[in-house]
Amino acid sequence: QVQLEESGGGLVQSGGSLRLSCSVSGRALVEYSMAWFRQAPDKEREFVASISWSGSTTEYADFVKGRFTVSRDDVKGVWLQMDSLKPEDTAVYFCALPPSAYSAHERDPSSYTYWGQGTQVTVTT
């Protein structure tokens, strides 16, 4: 059984930082690309960042470029370092795993089969 679990969310002031973590069980993480998405109230889930299974390539949504960094450790999991946070970053953040090993990391949420429960990030002014 595949399980993903996010942690690290919380309440932070504008300009602050948070580091989200995603742990994976039931799959050999070293074989899988990973992605982070977020969903704000009354909005669709949107792509935030992704990292290839090898860790050699990353992609970011334009609205987080230069502020967020995705990284991975094939034993411990995947992280999302979020700096210079803005109130519009407030959302539930999810990590996601595709159905197949060695697949490309995509921006479309329909490309991912496994999802965590999400962790709430709230940025105040």
PDB file of N, CA and C in Angstrom:
ATOM      1  N   GLN A   1       0.847  -1.180   0.000  1.00  0.00           N
ATOM      2  CA  GLN A   1       0.000   0.000   0.000  1.00  0.00           C
ATOM      3  C   GLN A   1       0.891   1.243   0.000  1.00  0.00           C
ATOM      4  N   VAL A   2       0.599   2.142  -0.930  1.00  0.00           N
ATOM      5  CA  VAL A   2       1.384   3.364  -1.033  1.00  0.00           C
ATOM      6  C   VAL A   2       0.782   4.425  -0.125  1.00  0.00           C
ATOM      7  N   GLN A   3       1.635   5.051   0.656  1.00  0.00           N
ATOM      8  CA  GLN A   3       1.185   6.136   1.529  1.00  0.00           C
ATOM      9  C   GLN A   3       2.151   7.299   1.430  1.00  0.00           C
ATOM     10  N   LEU A   4       1.593   8.493   1.340  1.00  0.00           N
ATOM     11  CA  LEU A   4       2.373   9.716   1.356  1.00  0.00           C
ATOM     12  C   LEU A   4       1.909  10.543   2.548  1.00  0.00           C
ATOM     13  N   GLU A   5       2.845  11.157   3.216  1.00  0.00           N
ATOM     14  CA  GLU A   5       2.489  11.969   4.364  1.00  0.00           C
ATOM     15  C   GLU A   5       3.283  13.259   4.361  1.00  0.00           C
ATOM     16  N   GLU A   6       2.576  14.383   4.328  1.00  0.00           N
ATOM     17  CA  GLU A   6       3.201  15.694   4.379  1.00  0.00           C
ATOM     18  C   GLU A   6       3.275  16.187   5.821  1.00  0.00           C
ATOM     19  N   SER A   7       4.260  17.020   6.056  1.00  0.00           N
ATOM     20  CA  SER A   7       4.376  17.683   7.352  1.00  0.00           C
ATOM     21  C   SER A   7       5.114  18.991   7.159  1.00  0.00           C
ATOM     22  N   GLY A   8       5.069  19.831   8.182  1.00  0.00           N
ATOM     23  CA  GLY A   8       5.832  21.067   8.143  1.00  0.00           C
ATOM     24  C   GLY A   8       5.031  22.323   7.890  1.00  0.00           C
ATOM     25  N   GLY A   9       3.740  22.164   7.626  1.00  0.00           N
ATOM     26  CA  GLY A   9       2.932  23.349   7.420  1.00  0.00           C
ATOM     27  C   GLY A   9       2.728  24.120   8.714  1.00  0.00           C
ATOM     28  N   GLY A  10       2.125  25.296   8.601  1.00  0.00           N
ATOM     29  CA  GLY A  10       1.870  26.099   9.785  1.00  0.00           C
ATOM     30  C   GLY A  10       1.491  27.516   9.436  1.00  0.00           C
ATOM     31  N   LEU A  11       1.555  28.349  10.462  1.00  0.00           N
ATOM     32  CA  LEU A  11       1.213  29.766  10.339  1.00  0.00           C
ATOM     33  C   LEU A  11       2.507  30.571  10.344  1.00  0.00           C
ATOM     34  N   VAL A  12       2.661  31.448   9.360  1.00  0.00           N
ATOM     35  CA  VAL A  12       3.883  32.229   9.257  1.00  0.00           C
ATOM     36  C   VAL A  12       3.536  33.621   8.744  1.00  0.00           C
ATOM     37  N   GLN A  13       4.334  34.599   9.125  1.00  0.00           N
ATOM     38  CA  GLN A  13       4.112  35.955   8.634  1.00  0.00           C
ATOM     39  C   GLN A  13       4.664  36.119   7.229  1.00  0.00           C
ATOM     40  N   SER A  14       4.123  37.079   6.520  1.00  0.00           N
ATOM     41  CA  SER A  14       4.601  37.393   5.185  1.00  0.00           C
ATOM     42  C   SER A  14       6.105  37.655   5.217  1.00  0.00           C
ATOM     43  N   GLY A  15       6.815  37.056   4.271  1.00  0.00           N
ATOM     44  CA  GLY A  15       8.269  37.159   4.223  1.00  0.00           C
ATOM     45  C   GLY A  15       8.983  36.039   4.937  1.00  0.00           C
ATOM     46  N   GLY A  16       8.247  35.229   5.673  1.00  0.00           N
ATOM     47  CA  GLY A  16       8.845  34.140   6.418  1.00  0.00           C
ATOM     48  C   GLY A  16       9.081  32.905   5.578  1.00  0.00           C
ATOM     49  N   SER A  17       9.506  31.836   6.255  1.00  0.00           N
ATOM     50  CA  SER A  17       9.863  30.592   5.582  1.00  0.00           C
ATOM     51  C   SER A  17       9.224  29.387   6.262  1.00  0.00           C
ATOM     52  N   LEU A  18       9.000  28.366   5.477  1.00  0.00           N
ATOM     53  CA  LEU A  18       8.580  27.060   5.978  1.00  0.00           C
ATOM     54  C   LEU A  18       9.255  25.994   5.129  1.00  0.00           C
ATOM     55  N   ARG A  19       9.428  24.843   5.720  1.00  0.00           N
ATOM     56  CA  ARG A  19       9.995  23.699   4.987  1.00  0.00           C
ATOM     57  C   ARG A  19       9.031  22.541   5.118  1.00  0.00           C
ATOM     58  N   LEU A  20       8.455  22.160   4.006  1.00  0.00           N
ATOM     59  CA  LEU A  20       7.533  21.030   3.985  1.00  0.00           C
ATOM     60  C   LEU A  20       8.283  19.738   3.681  1.00  0.00           C
ATOM     61  N   SER A  21       7.830  18.667   4.291  1.00  0.00           N
ATOM     62  CA  SER A  21       8.408  17.349   4.068  1.00  0.00           C
ATOM     63  C   SER A  21       7.337  16.390   3.572  1.00  0.00           C
ATOM     64  N   CYS A  22       7.750  15.440   2.776  1.00  0.00           N
ATOM     65  CA  CYS A  22       6.847  14.394   2.290  1.00  0.00           C
ATOM     66  C   CYS A  22       7.565  13.063   2.422  1.00  0.00           C
ATOM     67  N   SER A  23       7.002  12.181   3.207  1.00  0.00           N
ATOM     68  CA  SER A  23       7.559  10.841   3.325  1.00  0.00           C
ATOM     69  C   SER A  23       6.701   9.873   2.527  1.00  0.00           C
ATOM     70  N   VAL A  24       7.339   8.855   1.981  1.00  0.00           N
ATOM     71  CA  VAL A  24       6.657   7.886   1.125  1.00  0.00           C
ATOM     72  C   VAL A  24       6.924   6.475   1.635  1.00  0.00           C
ATOM     73  N   SER A  25       5.884   5.684   1.722  1.00  0.00           N
ATOM     74  CA  SER A  25       6.042   4.274   2.043  1.00  0.00           C
ATOM     75  C   SER A  25       5.305   3.452   0.991  1.00  0.00           C
ATOM     76  N   GLY A  26       5.795   2.254   0.763  1.00  0.00           N
ATOM     77  CA  GLY A  26       5.165   1.375  -0.206  1.00  0.00           C
ATOM     78  C   GLY A  26       5.726   1.463  -1.603  1.00  0.00           C
ATOM     79  N   ARG A  27       6.684   2.355  -1.803  1.00  0.00           N
ATOM     80  CA  ARG A  27       7.362   2.472  -3.092  1.00  0.00           C
ATOM     81  C   ARG A  27       8.824   2.796  -2.836  1.00  0.00           C
ATOM     82  N   ALA A  28       9.669   2.360  -3.756  1.00  0.00           N
ATOM     83  CA  ALA A  28      11.074   2.718  -3.683  1.00  0.00           C
ATOM     84  C   ALA A  28      11.226   4.130  -4.229  1.00  0.00           C
ATOM     85  N   LEU A  29      11.343   5.066  -3.336  1.00  0.00           N
ATOM     86  CA  LEU A  29      11.328   6.481  -3.723  1.00  0.00           C
ATOM     87  C   LEU A  29      12.369   6.801  -4.788  1.00  0.00           C
ATOM     88  N   VAL A  30      13.472   6.078  -4.778  1.00  0.00           N
ATOM     89  CA  VAL A  30      14.555   6.361  -5.706  1.00  0.00           C
ATOM     90  C   VAL A  30      14.117   6.200  -7.164  1.00  0.00           C
ATOM     91  N   GLU A  31      13.013   5.502  -7.411  1.00  0.00           N
ATOM     92  CA  GLU A  31      12.561   5.229  -8.775  1.00  0.00           C
ATOM     93  C   GLU A  31      11.493   6.198  -9.273  1.00  0.00           C
ATOM     94  N   TYR A  32      11.065   7.126  -8.428  1.00  0.00           N
ATOM     95  CA  TYR A  32       9.891   7.926  -8.764  1.00  0.00           C
ATOM     96  C   TYR A  32      10.161   9.422  -8.752  1.00  0.00           C
ATOM     97  N   SER A  33       9.652  10.101  -9.782  1.00  0.00           N
ATOM     98  CA  SER A  33       9.594  11.549  -9.718  1.00  0.00           C
ATOM     99  C   SER A  33       8.516  11.932  -8.702  1.00  0.00           C
ATOM    100  N   MET A  34       8.576  13.168  -8.234  1.00  0.00           N
ATOM    101  CA  MET A  34       7.630  13.631  -7.220  1.00  0.00           C
ATOM    102  C   MET A  34       7.212  15.057  -7.543  1.00  0.00           C
ATOM    103  N   ALA A  35       6.058  15.429  -7.031  1.00  0.00           N
ATOM    104  CA  ALA A  35       5.598  16.790  -7.272  1.00  0.00           C
ATOM    105  C   ALA A  35       4.880  17.331  -6.043  1.00  0.00           C
ATOM    106  N   TRP A  36       4.842  18.652  -5.969  1.00  0.00           N
ATOM    107  CA  TRP A  36       4.065  19.367  -4.964  1.00  0.00           C
ATOM    108  C   TRP A  36       2.971  20.169  -5.688  1.00  0.00           C
ATOM    109  N   PHE A  37       1.793  20.122  -5.107  1.00  0.00           N
ATOM    110  CA  PHE A  37       0.669  20.912  -5.589  1.00  0.00           C
ATOM    111  C   PHE A  37       0.088  21.674  -4.399  1.00  0.00           C
ATOM    112  N   ARG A  38      -0.764  22.612  -4.690  1.00  0.00           N
ATOM    113  CA  ARG A  38      -1.452  23.307  -3.607  1.00  0.00           C
ATOM    114  C   ARG A  38      -2.884  23.624  -4.040  1.00  0.00           C
ATOM    115  N   GLN A  39      -3.721  23.803  -3.042  1.00  0.00           N
ATOM    116  CA  GLN A  39      -5.107  24.140  -3.315  1.00  0.00           C
ATOM    117  C   GLN A  39      -5.606  25.125  -2.266  1.00  0.00           C
ATOM    118  N   ALA A  40      -5.991  26.283  -2.735  1.00  0.00           N
ATOM    119  CA  ALA A  40      -6.570  27.302  -1.863  1.00  0.00           C
ATOM    120  C   ALA A  40      -8.085  27.145  -1.862  1.00  0.00           C
ATOM    121  N   PRO A  41      -8.763  27.693  -0.856  1.00  0.00           N
ATOM    122  CA  PRO A  41     -10.223  27.587  -0.795  1.00  0.00           C
ATOM    123  C   PRO A  41     -10.874  28.115  -2.068  1.00  0.00           C
ATOM    124  N   ASP A  42     -11.805  27.350  -2.591  1.00  0.00           N
ATOM    125  CA  ASP A  42     -12.584  27.715  -3.771  1.00  0.00           C
ATOM    126  C   ASP A  42     -11.728  27.850  -5.033  1.00  0.00           C
ATOM    127  N   LYS A  43     -10.552  27.245  -5.022  1.00  0.00           N
ATOM    128  CA  LYS A  43      -9.696  27.256  -6.217  1.00  0.00           C
ATOM    129  C   LYS A  43      -9.316  25.838  -6.588  1.00  0.00           C
ATOM    130  N   GLU A  44      -8.916  25.665  -7.844  1.00  0.00           N
ATOM    131  CA  GLU A  44      -8.489  24.348  -8.296  1.00  0.00           C
ATOM    132  C   GLU A  44      -7.076  24.048  -7.771  1.00  0.00           C
ATOM    133  N   ARG A  45      -6.792  22.771  -7.712  1.00  0.00           N
ATOM    134  CA  ARG A  45      -5.452  22.355  -7.313  1.00  0.00           C
ATOM    135  C   ARG A  45      -4.472  22.781  -8.401  1.00  0.00           C
ATOM    136  N   GLU A  46      -3.335  23.359  -7.991  1.00  0.00           N
ATOM    137  CA  GLU A  46      -2.369  23.857  -8.954  1.00  0.00           C
ATOM    138  C   GLU A  46      -0.968  23.337  -8.669  1.00  0.00           C
ATOM    139  N   PHE A  47      -0.230  23.202  -9.749  1.00  0.00           N
ATOM    140  CA  PHE A  47       1.141  22.729  -9.677  1.00  0.00           C
ATOM    141  C   PHE A  47       2.030  23.758  -8.991  1.00  0.00           C
ATOM    142  N   VAL A  48       2.944  23.278  -8.148  1.00  0.00           N
ATOM    143  CA  VAL A  48       3.899  24.144  -7.478  1.00  0.00           C
ATOM    144  C   VAL A  48       5.323  23.826  -7.932  1.00  0.00           C
ATOM    145  N   ALA A  49       5.722  22.574  -7.797  1.00  0.00           N
ATOM    146  CA  ALA A  49       7.098  22.191  -8.133  1.00  0.00           C
ATOM    147  C   ALA A  49       7.178  20.690  -8.321  1.00  0.00           C
ATOM    148  N   SER A  50       8.194  20.257  -9.048  1.00  0.00           N
ATOM    149  CA  SER A  50       8.407  18.826  -9.218  1.00  0.00           C
ATOM    150  C   SER A  50       9.893  18.541  -9.337  1.00  0.00           C
ATOM    151  N   ILE A  51      10.236  17.277  -9.117  1.00  0.00           N
ATOM    152  CA  ILE A  51      11.634  16.861  -9.201  1.00  0.00           C
ATOM    153  C   ILE A  51      11.679  15.483  -9.846  1.00  0.00           C
ATOM    154  N   SER A  52      12.647  15.286 -10.717  1.00  0.00           N
ATOM    155  CA  SER A  52      12.762  14.015 -11.419  1.00  0.00           C
ATOM    156  C   SER A  52      13.195  12.910 -10.473  1.00  0.00           C
ATOM    157  N   TRP A  53      13.024  11.667 -10.920  1.00  0.00           N
ATOM    158  CA  TRP A  53      13.386  10.535 -10.082  1.00  0.00           C
ATOM    159  C   TRP A  53      14.880  10.528  -9.769  1.00  0.00           C
ATOM    160  N   SER A  54      15.685  11.059 -10.685  1.00  0.00           N
ATOM    161  CA  SER A  54      17.125  11.112 -10.453  1.00  0.00           C
ATOM    162  C   SER A  54      17.532  12.314  -9.614  1.00  0.00           C
ATOM    163  N   GLY A  55      16.618  13.265  -9.487  1.00  0.00           N
ATOM    164  CA  GLY A  55      16.944  14.492  -8.772  1.00  0.00           C
ATOM    165  C   GLY A  55      17.694  15.501  -9.613  1.00  0.00           C
ATOM    166  N   SER A  56      17.931  15.176 -10.873  1.00  0.00           N
ATOM    167  CA  SER A  56      18.766  16.041 -11.718  1.00  0.00           C
ATOM    168  C   SER A  56      18.008  17.221 -12.309  1.00  0.00           C
ATOM    169  N   THR A  57      16.691  17.121 -12.398  1.00  0.00           N
ATOM    170  CA  THR A  57      15.913  18.222 -12.956  1.00  0.00           C
ATOM    171  C   THR A  57      14.746  18.584 -12.045  1.00  0.00           C
ATOM    172  N   THR A  58      14.447  19.860 -12.027  1.00  0.00           N
ATOM    173  CA  THR A  58      13.320  20.367 -11.256  1.00  0.00           C
ATOM    174  C   THR A  58      12.524  21.329 -12.123  1.00  0.00           C
ATOM    175  N   GLU A  59      11.276  21.502 -11.766  1.00  0.00           N
ATOM    176  CA  GLU A  59      10.434  22.480 -12.440  1.00  0.00           C
ATOM    177  C   GLU A  59       9.623  23.222 -11.392  1.00  0.00           C
ATOM    178  N   TYR A  60       9.321  24.473 -11.697  1.00  0.00           N
ATOM    179  CA  TYR A  60       8.586  25.303 -10.765  1.00  0.00           C
ATOM    180  C   TYR A  60       7.497  26.092 -11.495  1.00  0.00           C
ATOM    181  N   ALA A  61       6.406  26.318 -10.795  1.00  0.00           N
ATOM    182  CA  ALA A  61       5.411  27.251 -11.305  1.00  0.00           C
ATOM    183  C   ALA A  61       6.025  28.649 -11.287  1.00  0.00           C
ATOM    184  N   ASP A  62       5.619  29.472 -12.220  1.00  0.00           N
ATOM    185  CA  ASP A  62       6.191  30.817 -12.310  1.00  0.00           C
ATOM    186  C   ASP A  62       6.025  31.599 -11.009  1.00  0.00           C
ATOM    187  N   PHE A  63       4.929  31.383 -10.322  1.00  0.00           N
ATOM    188  CA  PHE A  63       4.664  32.198  -9.134  1.00  0.00           C
ATOM    189  C   PHE A  63       5.523  31.818  -7.936  1.00  0.00           C
ATOM    190  N   VAL A  64       6.321  30.747  -8.026  1.00  0.00           N
ATOM    191  CA  VAL A  64       7.199  30.386  -6.914  1.00  0.00           C
ATOM    192  C   VAL A  64       8.674  30.395  -7.295  1.00  0.00           C
ATOM    193  N   LYS A  65       8.967  30.648  -8.557  1.00  0.00           N
ATOM    194  CA  LYS A  65      10.357  30.638  -8.982  1.00  0.00           C
ATOM    195  C   LYS A  65      11.172  31.658  -8.204  1.00  0.00           C
ATOM    196  N   GLY A  66      12.326  31.195  -7.729  1.00  0.00           N
ATOM    197  CA  GLY A  66      13.200  32.065  -6.951  1.00  0.00           C
ATOM    198  C   GLY A  66      12.852  32.126  -5.479  1.00  0.00           C
ATOM    199  N   ARG A  67      11.706  31.555  -5.099  1.00  0.00           N
ATOM    200  CA  ARG A  67      11.299  31.578  -3.690  1.00  0.00           C
ATOM    201  C   ARG A  67      11.232  30.180  -3.092  1.00  0.00           C
ATOM    202  N   PHE A  68      10.824  29.204  -3.875  1.00  0.00           N
ATOM    203  CA  PHE A  68      10.671  27.824  -3.396  1.00  0.00           C
ATOM    204  C   PHE A  68      11.757  26.941  -4.009  1.00  0.00           C
ATOM    205  N   THR A  69      12.173  25.925  -3.262  1.00  0.00           N
ATOM    206  CA  THR A  69      13.150  24.965  -3.754  1.00  0.00           C
ATOM    207  C   THR A  69      12.700  23.553  -3.389  1.00  0.00           C
ATOM    208  N   VAL A  70      12.639  22.688  -4.386  1.00  0.00           N
ATOM    209  CA  VAL A  70      12.292  21.288  -4.148  1.00  0.00           C
ATOM    210  C   VAL A  70      13.571  20.458  -4.155  1.00  0.00           C
ATOM    211  N   SER A  71      13.645  19.515  -3.227  1.00  0.00           N
ATOM    212  CA  SER A  71      14.812  18.644  -3.140  1.00  0.00           C
ATOM    213  C   SER A  71      14.357  17.271  -2.657  1.00  0.00           C
ATOM    214  N   ARG A  72      15.275  16.319  -2.738  1.00  0.00           N
ATOM    215  CA  ARG A  72      14.892  14.966  -2.341  1.00  0.00           C
ATOM    216  C   ARG A  72      16.075  14.220  -1.746  1.00  0.00           C
ATOM    217  N   ASP A  73      15.740  13.265  -0.939  1.00  0.00           N
ATOM    218  CA  ASP A  73      16.668  12.281  -0.409  1.00  0.00           C
ATOM    219  C   ASP A  73      15.966  10.948  -0.626  1.00  0.00           C
ATOM    220  N   ASP A  74      16.588  10.043  -1.313  1.00  0.00           N
ATOM    221  CA  ASP A  74      15.899   8.827  -1.718  1.00  0.00           C
ATOM    222  C   ASP A  74      15.572   7.887  -0.571  1.00  0.00           C
ATOM    223  N   VAL A  75      16.049   8.205   0.581  1.00  0.00           N
ATOM    224  CA  VAL A  75      15.680   7.416   1.752  1.00  0.00           C
ATOM    225  C   VAL A  75      14.655   8.162   2.586  1.00  0.00           C
ATOM    226  N   LYS A  76      14.895   9.452   2.797  1.00  0.00           N
ATOM    227  CA  LYS A  76      14.073  10.191   3.747  1.00  0.00           C
ATOM    228  C   LYS A  76      12.820  10.786   3.125  1.00  0.00           C
ATOM    229  N   GLY A  77      12.905  11.220   1.858  1.00  0.00           N
ATOM    230  CA  GLY A  77      11.704  11.801   1.261  1.00  0.00           C
ATOM    231  C   GLY A  77      11.993  13.003   0.403  1.00  0.00           C
ATOM    232  N   VAL A  78      10.979  13.853   0.247  1.00  0.00           N
ATOM    233  CA  VAL A  78      11.057  15.028  -0.604  1.00  0.00           C
ATOM    234  C   VAL A  78      10.713  16.250   0.239  1.00  0.00           C
ATOM    235  N   TRP A  79      11.382  17.356  -0.037  1.00  0.00           N
ATOM    236  CA  TRP A  79      11.143  18.589   0.711  1.00  0.00           C
ATOM    237  C   TRP A  79      10.762  19.728  -0.233  1.00  0.00           C
ATOM    238  N   LEU A  80      10.077  20.681   0.349  1.00  0.00           N
ATOM    239  CA  LEU A  80       9.794  21.922  -0.353  1.00  0.00           C
ATOM    240  C   LEU A  80      10.156  23.068   0.587  1.00  0.00           C
ATOM    241  N   GLN A  81      11.269  23.723   0.296  1.00  0.00           N
ATOM    242  CA  GLN A  81      11.704  24.883   1.075  1.00  0.00           C
ATOM    243  C   GLN A  81      11.000  26.099   0.504  1.00  0.00           C
ATOM    244  N   MET A  82      10.249  26.777   1.349  1.00  0.00           N
ATOM    245  CA  MET A  82       9.476  27.931   0.908  1.00  0.00           C
ATOM    246  C   MET A  82       9.981  29.178   1.626  1.00  0.00           C
ATOM    247  N   ASP A  83      10.533  30.093   0.877  1.00  0.00           N
ATOM    248  CA  ASP A  83      11.048  31.341   1.418  1.00  0.00           C
ATOM    249  C   ASP A  83      10.262  32.519   0.852  1.00  0.00           C
ATOM    250  N   SER A  84      10.407  33.659   1.491  1.00  0.00           N
ATOM    251  CA  SER A  84       9.723  34.881   1.038  1.00  0.00           C
ATOM    252  C   SER A  84       8.237  34.621   0.817  1.00  0.00           C
ATOM    253  N   LEU A  85       7.627  33.978   1.767  1.00  0.00           N
ATOM    254  CA  LEU A  85       6.217  33.611   1.626  1.00  0.00           C
ATOM    255  C   LEU A  85       5.326  34.847   1.566  1.00  0.00           C
ATOM    256  N   LYS A  86       4.255  34.702   0.795  1.00  0.00           N
ATOM    257  CA  LYS A  86       3.285  35.768   0.601  1.00  0.00           C
ATOM    258  C   LYS A  86       1.904  35.285   1.040  1.00  0.00           C
ATOM    259  N   PRO A  87       1.021  36.188   1.392  1.00  0.00           N
ATOM    260  CA  PRO A  87      -0.334  35.761   1.775  1.00  0.00           C
ATOM    261  C   PRO A  87      -1.018  34.916   0.698  1.00  0.00           C
ATOM    262  N   GLU A  88      -0.726  35.171  -0.563  1.00  0.00           N
ATOM    263  CA  GLU A  88      -1.345  34.392  -1.637  1.00  0.00           C
ATOM    264  C   GLU A  88      -0.798  32.969  -1.738  1.00  0.00           C
ATOM    265  N   ASP A  89       0.234  32.646  -0.958  1.00  0.00           N
ATOM    266  CA  ASP A  89       0.719  31.274  -0.885  1.00  0.00           C
ATOM    267  C   ASP A  89      -0.111  30.425   0.075  1.00  0.00           C
ATOM    268  N   THR A  90      -1.033  31.043   0.762  1.00  0.00           N
ATOM    269  CA  THR A  90      -1.886  30.320   1.696  1.00  0.00           C
ATOM    270  C   THR A  90      -2.699  29.264   0.956  1.00  0.00           C
ATOM    271  N   ALA A  91      -2.565  28.009   1.393  1.00  0.00           N
ATOM    272  CA  ALA A  91      -3.230  26.892   0.733  1.00  0.00           C
ATOM    273  C   ALA A  91      -2.909  25.610   1.493  1.00  0.00           C
ATOM    274  N   VAL A  92      -3.579  24.547   1.110  1.00  0.00           N
ATOM    275  CA  VAL A  92      -3.181  23.211   1.540  1.00  0.00           C
ATOM    276  C   VAL A  92      -2.205  22.683   0.497  1.00  0.00           C
ATOM    277  N   TYR A  93      -1.069  22.213   0.959  1.00  0.00           N
ATOM    278  CA  TYR A  93      -0.009  21.721   0.077  1.00  0.00           C
ATOM    279  C   TYR A  93       0.018  20.200   0.115  1.00  0.00           C
ATOM    280  N   PHE A  94       0.088  19.615  -1.084  1.00  0.00           N
ATOM    281  CA  PHE A  94       0.067  18.167  -1.243  1.00  0.00           C
ATOM    282  C   PHE A  94       1.322  17.690  -1.971  1.00  0.00           C
ATOM    283  N   CYS A  95       1.841  16.549  -1.573  1.00  0.00           N
ATOM    284  CA  CYS A  95       2.838  15.896  -2.404  1.00  0.00           C
ATOM    285  C   CYS A  95       2.154  14.768  -3.175  1.00  0.00           C
ATOM    286  N   ALA A  96       2.722  14.439  -4.325  1.00  0.00           N
ATOM    287  CA  ALA A  96       2.083  13.480  -5.213  1.00  0.00           C
ATOM    288  C   ALA A  96       3.116  12.587  -5.876  1.00  0.00           C
ATOM    289  N   LEU A  97       2.687  11.352  -6.150  1.00  0.00           N
ATOM    290  CA  LEU A  97       3.547  10.322  -6.733  1.00  0.00           C
ATOM    291  C   LEU A  97       2.868   9.777  -7.985  1.00  0.00           C
ATOM    292  N   PRO A  98       3.585   9.631  -9.081  1.00  0.00           N
ATOM    293  CA  PRO A  98       2.971   9.092 -10.298  1.00  0.00           C
ATOM    294  C   PRO A  98       2.783   7.585 -10.196  1.00  0.00           C
ATOM    295  N   PRO A  99       2.006   7.000 -11.111  1.00  0.00           N
ATOM    296  CA  PRO A  99       1.748   5.566 -11.023  1.00  0.00           C
ATOM    297  C   PRO A  99       2.924   4.687 -11.425  1.00  0.00           C
ATOM    298  N   SER A 100       3.835   5.239 -12.258  1.00  0.00           N
ATOM    299  CA  SER A 100       4.906   4.417 -12.806  1.00  0.00           C
ATOM    300  C   SER A 100       6.274   4.944 -12.407  1.00  0.00           C
ATOM    301  N   ALA A 101       7.185   4.002 -12.224  1.00  0.00           N
ATOM    302  CA  ALA A 101       8.570   4.363 -11.932  1.00  0.00           C
ATOM    303  C   ALA A 101       9.220   4.963 -13.168  1.00  0.00           C
ATOM    304  N   TYR A 102      10.212   5.804 -12.933  1.00  0.00           N
ATOM    305  CA  TYR A 102      11.030   6.410 -13.995  1.00  0.00           C
ATOM    306  C   TYR A 102      10.209   7.231 -14.992  1.00  0.00           C
ATOM    307  N   SER A 103       9.082   7.728 -14.561  1.00  0.00           N
ATOM    308  CA  SER A 103       8.275   8.562 -15.453  1.00  0.00           C
ATOM    309  C   SER A 103       8.722  10.010 -15.355  1.00  0.00           C
ATOM    310  N   ALA A 104       8.349  10.788 -16.368  1.00  0.00           N
ATOM    311  CA  ALA A 104       8.677  12.211 -16.347  1.00  0.00           C
ATOM    312  C   ALA A 104       7.874  12.911 -15.262  1.00  0.00           C
ATOM    313  N   HIS A 105       8.410  14.008 -14.758  1.00  0.00           N
ATOM    314  CA  HIS A 105       7.647  14.758 -13.760  1.00  0.00           C
ATOM    315  C   HIS A 105       6.799  15.796 -14.474  1.00  0.00           C
ATOM    316  N   GLU A 106       5.497  15.698 -14.260  1.00  0.00           N
ATOM    317  CA  GLU A 106       4.517  16.462 -15.001  1.00  0.00           C
ATOM    318  C   GLU A 106       3.893  17.552 -14.134  1.00  0.00           C
ATOM    319  N   ARG A 107       3.283  18.527 -14.803  1.00  0.00           N
ATOM    320  CA  ARG A 107       2.576  19.604 -14.107  1.00  0.00           C
ATOM    321  C   ARG A 107       1.084  19.311 -13.955  1.00  0.00           C
ATOM    322  N   ASP A 108       0.587  18.356 -14.686  1.00  0.00           N
ATOM    323  CA  ASP A 108      -0.834  18.035 -14.663  1.00  0.00           C
ATOM    324  C   ASP A 108      -1.133  17.124 -13.482  1.00  0.00           C
ATOM    325  N   PRO A 109      -2.026  17.529 -12.591  1.00  0.00           N
ATOM    326  CA  PRO A 109      -2.315  16.672 -11.431  1.00  0.00           C
ATOM    327  C   PRO A 109      -2.885  15.312 -11.819  1.00  0.00           C
ATOM    328  N   SER A 110      -3.495  15.212 -12.987  1.00  0.00           N
ATOM    329  CA  SER A 110      -4.045  13.913 -13.395  1.00  0.00           C
ATOM    330  C   SER A 110      -2.953  12.898 -13.708  1.00  0.00           C
ATOM    331  N   SER A 111      -1.700  13.358 -13.786  1.00  0.00           N
ATOM    332  CA  SER A 111      -0.573  12.447 -14.023  1.00  0.00           C
ATOM    333  C   SER A 111      -0.134  11.726 -12.756  1.00  0.00           C
ATOM    334  N   TYR A 112      -0.722  12.078 -11.638  1.00  0.00           N
ATOM    335  CA  TYR A 112      -0.313  11.523 -10.347  1.00  0.00           C
ATOM    336  C   TYR A 112      -1.438  10.684  -9.759  1.00  0.00           C
ATOM    337  N   THR A 113      -1.051   9.536  -9.250  1.00  0.00           N
ATOM    338  CA  THR A 113      -2.023   8.589  -8.719  1.00  0.00           C
ATOM    339  C   THR A 113      -2.134   8.657  -7.201  1.00  0.00           C
ATOM    340  N   TYR A 114      -1.009   8.893  -6.563  1.00  0.00           N
ATOM    341  CA  TYR A 114      -0.968   8.822  -5.101  1.00  0.00           C
ATOM    342  C   TYR A 114      -0.763  10.222  -4.526  1.00  0.00           C
ATOM    343  N   TRP A 115      -1.535  10.511  -3.484  1.00  0.00           N
ATOM    344  CA  TRP A 115      -1.519  11.836  -2.877  1.00  0.00           C
ATOM    345  C   TRP A 115      -1.493  11.715  -1.359  1.00  0.00           C
ATOM    346  N   GLY A 116      -0.848  12.673  -0.742  1.00  0.00           N
ATOM    347  CA  GLY A 116      -0.925  12.758   0.699  1.00  0.00           C
ATOM    348  C   GLY A 116      -2.201  13.474   1.116  1.00  0.00           C
ATOM    349  N   GLN A 117      -2.370  13.592   2.422  1.00  0.00           N
ATOM    350  CA  GLN A 117      -3.559  14.254   2.976  1.00  0.00           C
ATOM    351  C   GLN A 117      -3.446  15.761   2.903  1.00  0.00           C
ATOM    352  N   GLY A 118      -2.246  16.255   2.747  1.00  0.00           N
ATOM    353  CA  GLY A 118      -2.040  17.699   2.666  1.00  0.00           C
ATOM    354  C   GLY A 118      -1.640  18.300   4.001  1.00  0.00           C
ATOM    355  N   THR A 119      -0.955  19.434   3.911  1.00  0.00           N
ATOM    356  CA  THR A 119      -0.575  20.182   5.102  1.00  0.00           C
ATOM    357  C   THR A 119      -0.916  21.654   4.859  1.00  0.00           C
ATOM    358  N   GLN A 120      -1.522  22.273   5.849  1.00  0.00           N
ATOM    359  CA  GLN A 120      -1.998  23.650   5.701  1.00  0.00           C
ATOM    360  C   GLN A 120      -0.860  24.641   5.890  1.00  0.00           C
ATOM    361  N   VAL A 121      -0.756  25.562   4.957  1.00  0.00           N
ATOM    362  CA  VAL A 121       0.176  26.679   5.063  1.00  0.00           C
ATOM    363  C   VAL A 121      -0.648  27.963   5.062  1.00  0.00           C
ATOM    364  N   THR A 122      -0.462  28.753   6.094  1.00  0.00           N
ATOM    365  CA  THR A 122      -1.180  30.024   6.202  1.00  0.00           C
ATOM    366  C   THR A 122      -0.170  31.150   6.385  1.00  0.00           C
ATOM    367  N   VAL A 123      -0.225  32.123   5.487  1.00  0.00           N
ATOM    368  CA  VAL A 123       0.696  33.254   5.533  1.00  0.00           C
ATOM    369  C   VAL A 123      -0.104  34.511   5.848  1.00  0.00           C
ATOM    370  N   THR A 124       0.269  35.162   6.932  1.00  0.00           N
ATOM    371  CA  THR A 124      -0.456  36.358   7.357  1.00  0.00           C
ATOM    372  C   THR A 124       0.300  37.621   6.948  1.00  0.00           C
ATOM    373  N   THR A 125      -0.407  38.709   6.854  1.00  0.00           N
ATOM    374  CA  THR A 125       0.215  39.989   6.484  1.00  0.00           C
ATOM    375  C   THR A 125       0.876  40.628   7.692  1.00  0.00           C
TER     376      THR A 125
END
